């Protein structure tokens, strides 16, 4: 079930960094918004590297909670990246 341990905090940091990197990728030929790319890269990187909270292949309420949290974390990273990029371009 849900547990708080050291790996969960590392997973949060990795997701935010993934969102940060995803928002900074150059977007020349696609029409994908930077924040959407941040969510996709941050969430999938977190899922591939750390997995989710529960064990098994059944969808449960903890899976919905997991995706909600990782999307928010990726948005935080992506928003921070776009904010820093906006400030540095002034």
N, C-alpha and C. Protein backbone atom coordinates (compact mmCIF):
# COMPACT_ATOMS: atom_id res chain seq x y z
N UNK A 1 0.84 -1.18 0.00
CA UNK A 1 0.00 0.00 0.00
C UNK A 1 0.89 1.24 0.00
N UNK A 2 0.37 2.38 0.40
CA UNK A 2 1.13 3.61 0.39
C UNK A 2 2.10 3.64 1.57
N UNK A 3 3.31 4.00 1.27
CA UNK A 3 4.31 4.10 2.34
C UNK A 3 5.19 5.31 2.08
N UNK A 4 5.61 5.95 3.14
CA UNK A 4 6.52 7.07 3.04
C UNK A 4 7.91 6.59 3.45
N UNK A 5 8.82 6.62 2.54
CA UNK A 5 10.19 6.28 2.85
C UNK A 5 11.12 7.16 2.03
N UNK A 6 12.40 6.91 2.14
CA UNK A 6 13.39 7.75 1.47
C UNK A 6 13.21 7.72 -0.05
N UNK A 7 12.80 6.61 -0.61
CA UNK A 7 12.66 6.49 -2.06
C UNK A 7 11.54 7.39 -2.58
N UNK A 8 10.50 7.60 -1.79
CA UNK A 8 9.41 8.46 -2.24
C UNK A 8 9.88 9.90 -2.41
N UNK A 9 10.76 10.38 -1.52
CA UNK A 9 11.28 11.74 -1.64
C UNK A 9 12.21 11.87 -2.83
N UNK A 10 13.00 10.86 -3.09
CA UNK A 10 13.87 10.85 -4.27
C UNK A 10 13.02 10.81 -5.53
N UNK A 11 11.92 10.08 -5.49
CA UNK A 11 11.03 10.00 -6.63
C UNK A 11 10.39 11.37 -6.91
N UNK A 12 10.03 12.10 -5.88
CA UNK A 12 9.46 13.44 -6.06
C UNK A 12 10.48 14.35 -6.73
N UNK A 13 11.70 14.32 -6.25
CA UNK A 13 12.76 15.16 -6.83
C UNK A 13 13.02 14.77 -8.28
N UNK A 14 13.06 13.46 -8.57
CA UNK A 14 13.29 12.99 -9.94
C UNK A 14 12.15 13.41 -10.87
N UNK A 15 10.93 13.38 -10.38
CA UNK A 15 9.78 13.78 -11.20
C UNK A 15 9.83 15.27 -11.50
N UNK A 16 10.16 16.08 -10.51
CA UNK A 16 10.26 17.52 -10.72
C UNK A 16 11.39 17.83 -11.71
N UNK A 17 12.51 17.16 -11.57
CA UNK A 17 13.63 17.36 -12.51
C UNK A 17 13.23 16.91 -13.91
N UNK A 18 12.51 15.79 -14.02
CA UNK A 18 12.03 15.34 -15.33
C UNK A 18 11.10 16.35 -15.97
N UNK A 19 10.21 16.93 -15.17
CA UNK A 19 9.33 17.98 -15.68
C UNK A 19 10.10 19.22 -16.10
N UNK A 20 11.12 19.56 -15.33
CA UNK A 20 11.98 20.70 -15.64
C UNK A 20 12.67 20.50 -16.99
N UNK A 21 13.25 19.32 -17.17
CA UNK A 21 13.95 19.01 -18.43
C UNK A 21 12.97 18.94 -19.59
N UNK A 22 11.80 18.34 -19.36
CA UNK A 22 10.80 18.23 -20.41
C UNK A 22 10.32 19.57 -20.92
N UNK A 23 10.22 20.55 -20.02
CA UNK A 23 9.77 21.88 -20.44
C UNK A 23 10.84 22.63 -21.22
N UNK A 24 12.09 22.27 -21.04
CA UNK A 24 13.18 22.97 -21.73
C UNK A 24 13.57 22.35 -23.06
N UNK A 25 12.98 21.22 -23.42
CA UNK A 25 13.31 20.61 -24.71
C UNK A 25 12.88 21.53 -25.85
N UNK A 26 13.70 21.65 -26.87
CA UNK A 26 13.32 22.50 -28.00
C UNK A 26 12.09 21.95 -28.72
N UNK A 27 11.23 22.83 -29.13
CA UNK A 27 9.96 22.45 -29.75
C UNK A 27 9.86 23.16 -31.09
N UNK A 28 10.50 22.58 -32.11
CA UNK A 28 10.58 23.27 -33.39
C UNK A 28 9.47 22.84 -34.36
N UNK A 29 9.23 21.56 -34.50
CA UNK A 29 8.29 21.10 -35.52
C UNK A 29 6.98 20.56 -34.96
N UNK A 30 6.92 20.31 -33.67
CA UNK A 30 5.68 19.78 -33.11
C UNK A 30 4.87 20.92 -32.49
N UNK A 31 3.61 20.67 -32.30
CA UNK A 31 2.73 21.65 -31.68
C UNK A 31 2.41 21.28 -30.24
N UNK A 32 3.29 20.54 -29.60
CA UNK A 32 3.06 20.11 -28.23
C UNK A 32 3.51 21.23 -27.29
N UNK A 33 2.61 21.71 -26.41
CA UNK A 33 3.01 22.75 -25.46
C UNK A 33 4.10 22.26 -24.51
N UNK A 34 4.91 23.18 -24.04
CA UNK A 34 6.03 22.82 -23.17
C UNK A 34 5.57 22.18 -21.87
N UNK A 35 4.48 22.67 -21.28
CA UNK A 35 4.01 22.08 -20.03
C UNK A 35 3.49 20.67 -20.23
N UNK A 36 2.86 20.41 -21.36
CA UNK A 36 2.40 19.05 -21.65
C UNK A 36 3.59 18.11 -21.81
N UNK A 37 4.63 18.58 -22.47
CA UNK A 37 5.83 17.76 -22.62
C UNK A 37 6.48 17.52 -21.26
N UNK A 38 6.45 18.53 -20.39
CA UNK A 38 7.00 18.36 -19.04
C UNK A 38 6.24 17.28 -18.28
N UNK A 39 4.92 17.27 -18.38
CA UNK A 39 4.11 16.27 -17.69
C UNK A 39 4.39 14.88 -18.24
N UNK A 40 4.47 14.76 -19.54
CA UNK A 40 4.70 13.44 -20.15
C UNK A 40 6.06 12.89 -19.74
N UNK A 41 7.10 13.69 -19.88
CA UNK A 41 8.45 13.21 -19.58
C UNK A 41 8.64 12.98 -18.09
N UNK A 42 8.20 13.91 -17.26
CA UNK A 42 8.37 13.76 -15.82
C UNK A 42 7.61 12.57 -15.26
N UNK A 43 6.36 12.41 -15.66
CA UNK A 43 5.55 11.31 -15.14
C UNK A 43 6.04 9.95 -15.62
N UNK A 44 6.35 9.85 -16.90
CA UNK A 44 6.81 8.56 -17.42
C UNK A 44 8.20 8.20 -16.89
N UNK A 45 9.06 9.18 -16.73
CA UNK A 45 10.38 8.89 -16.16
C UNK A 45 10.24 8.37 -14.73
N UNK A 46 9.37 8.97 -13.97
CA UNK A 46 9.14 8.52 -12.60
C UNK A 46 8.56 7.11 -12.58
N UNK A 47 7.62 6.84 -13.46
CA UNK A 47 7.00 5.51 -13.52
C UNK A 47 8.01 4.44 -13.93
N UNK A 48 8.85 4.74 -14.92
CA UNK A 48 9.82 3.76 -15.40
C UNK A 48 10.92 3.51 -14.36
N UNK A 49 11.42 4.57 -13.74
CA UNK A 49 12.54 4.43 -12.82
C UNK A 49 12.10 3.86 -11.48
N UNK A 50 11.00 4.37 -10.92
CA UNK A 50 10.61 4.00 -9.56
C UNK A 50 9.36 3.14 -9.45
N UNK A 51 8.57 3.08 -10.50
CA UNK A 51 7.31 2.34 -10.41
C UNK A 51 6.28 3.17 -9.65
N UNK A 52 5.17 2.51 -9.30
CA UNK A 52 4.16 3.23 -8.54
C UNK A 52 4.07 2.68 -7.12
N UNK A 53 3.04 3.07 -6.39
CA UNK A 53 2.97 2.78 -4.96
C UNK A 53 2.60 1.34 -4.63
N UNK A 54 1.74 0.75 -5.42
CA UNK A 54 1.29 -0.59 -5.07
C UNK A 54 1.99 -1.65 -5.92
N UNK A 55 1.72 -2.90 -5.60
CA UNK A 55 2.32 -4.02 -6.31
C UNK A 55 1.22 -4.72 -7.10
N UNK A 56 1.52 -5.08 -8.33
CA UNK A 56 0.55 -5.79 -9.14
C UNK A 56 0.09 -4.95 -10.31
N UNK A 57 -0.76 -5.57 -11.12
CA UNK A 57 -1.21 -4.93 -12.35
C UNK A 57 -2.65 -4.45 -12.28
N UNK A 58 -3.29 -4.57 -11.13
CA UNK A 58 -4.66 -4.10 -10.98
C UNK A 58 -4.67 -2.60 -10.71
N UNK A 59 -5.60 -1.90 -11.36
CA UNK A 59 -5.76 -0.48 -11.08
C UNK A 59 -6.50 -0.33 -9.77
N UNK A 60 -5.95 0.50 -8.89
CA UNK A 60 -6.57 0.77 -7.60
C UNK A 60 -6.63 2.27 -7.39
N UNK A 61 -7.18 2.67 -6.27
CA UNK A 61 -7.26 4.09 -5.95
C UNK A 61 -5.86 4.69 -5.75
N UNK A 62 -4.91 3.87 -5.32
CA UNK A 62 -3.55 4.39 -5.15
C UNK A 62 -2.91 4.71 -6.50
N UNK A 63 -3.32 4.03 -7.57
CA UNK A 63 -2.81 4.38 -8.91
C UNK A 63 -3.33 5.74 -9.35
N UNK A 64 -4.58 6.03 -9.07
CA UNK A 64 -5.14 7.34 -9.41
C UNK A 64 -4.41 8.42 -8.60
N UNK A 65 -4.20 8.16 -7.33
CA UNK A 65 -3.45 9.08 -6.47
C UNK A 65 -2.04 9.28 -7.01
N UNK A 66 -1.39 8.19 -7.41
CA UNK A 66 -0.02 8.25 -7.93
C UNK A 66 0.05 9.16 -9.16
N UNK A 67 -0.84 8.95 -10.14
CA UNK A 67 -0.79 9.75 -11.36
C UNK A 67 -1.12 11.20 -11.09
N UNK A 68 -2.07 11.46 -10.19
CA UNK A 68 -2.41 12.83 -9.84
C UNK A 68 -1.20 13.54 -9.24
N UNK A 69 -0.52 12.90 -8.31
CA UNK A 69 0.64 13.49 -7.65
C UNK A 69 1.79 13.70 -8.64
N UNK A 70 2.10 12.70 -9.47
CA UNK A 70 3.22 12.85 -10.40
C UNK A 70 2.94 13.91 -11.46
N UNK A 71 1.70 14.06 -11.87
CA UNK A 71 1.37 15.12 -12.83
C UNK A 71 1.57 16.49 -12.19
N UNK A 72 1.14 16.64 -10.94
CA UNK A 72 1.34 17.91 -10.23
C UNK A 72 2.84 18.20 -10.07
N UNK A 73 3.61 17.18 -9.69
CA UNK A 73 5.06 17.37 -9.52
C UNK A 73 5.72 17.76 -10.84
N UNK A 74 5.32 17.13 -11.93
CA UNK A 74 5.87 17.47 -13.25
C UNK A 74 5.50 18.89 -13.65
N UNK A 75 4.27 19.29 -13.34
CA UNK A 75 3.85 20.66 -13.63
C UNK A 75 4.67 21.68 -12.83
N UNK A 76 4.98 21.35 -11.60
CA UNK A 76 5.81 22.23 -10.78
C UNK A 76 7.19 22.40 -11.43
N UNK A 77 7.80 21.29 -11.83
CA UNK A 77 9.10 21.35 -12.49
C UNK A 77 9.04 22.09 -13.81
N UNK A 78 8.02 21.82 -14.61
CA UNK A 78 7.88 22.50 -15.89
C UNK A 78 7.61 23.99 -15.74
N UNK A 79 6.78 24.34 -14.79
CA UNK A 79 6.49 25.76 -14.54
C UNK A 79 7.73 26.49 -14.06
N UNK A 80 8.50 25.85 -13.20
CA UNK A 80 9.75 26.46 -12.73
C UNK A 80 10.71 26.67 -13.89
N UNK A 81 10.81 25.70 -14.78
CA UNK A 81 11.71 25.83 -15.93
C UNK A 81 11.28 26.97 -16.84
N UNK A 82 9.99 27.07 -17.12
CA UNK A 82 9.52 28.15 -17.99
C UNK A 82 9.67 29.51 -17.33
N UNK A 83 9.49 29.57 -16.01
CA UNK A 83 9.67 30.83 -15.28
C UNK A 83 11.13 31.27 -15.32
N UNK A 84 12.03 30.33 -15.08
CA UNK A 84 13.46 30.66 -15.12
C UNK A 84 13.89 31.06 -16.52
N UNK A 85 13.35 30.36 -17.52
CA UNK A 85 13.68 30.70 -18.90
C UNK A 85 13.15 32.09 -19.26
N UNK A 86 11.97 32.43 -18.77
CA UNK A 86 11.39 33.74 -19.04
C UNK A 86 12.22 34.84 -18.38
N UNK A 87 12.66 34.62 -17.16
CA UNK A 87 13.48 35.61 -16.46
C UNK A 87 14.85 35.79 -17.13
N UNK A 88 15.44 34.69 -17.57
CA UNK A 88 16.77 34.77 -18.17
C UNK A 88 16.76 35.41 -19.56
N UNK A 89 15.61 35.43 -20.22
CA UNK A 89 15.52 36.04 -21.55
C UNK A 89 15.28 37.53 -21.50
N UNK A 90 15.05 38.09 -20.32
CA UNK A 90 14.80 39.54 -20.21
C UNK A 90 16.06 40.33 -20.33
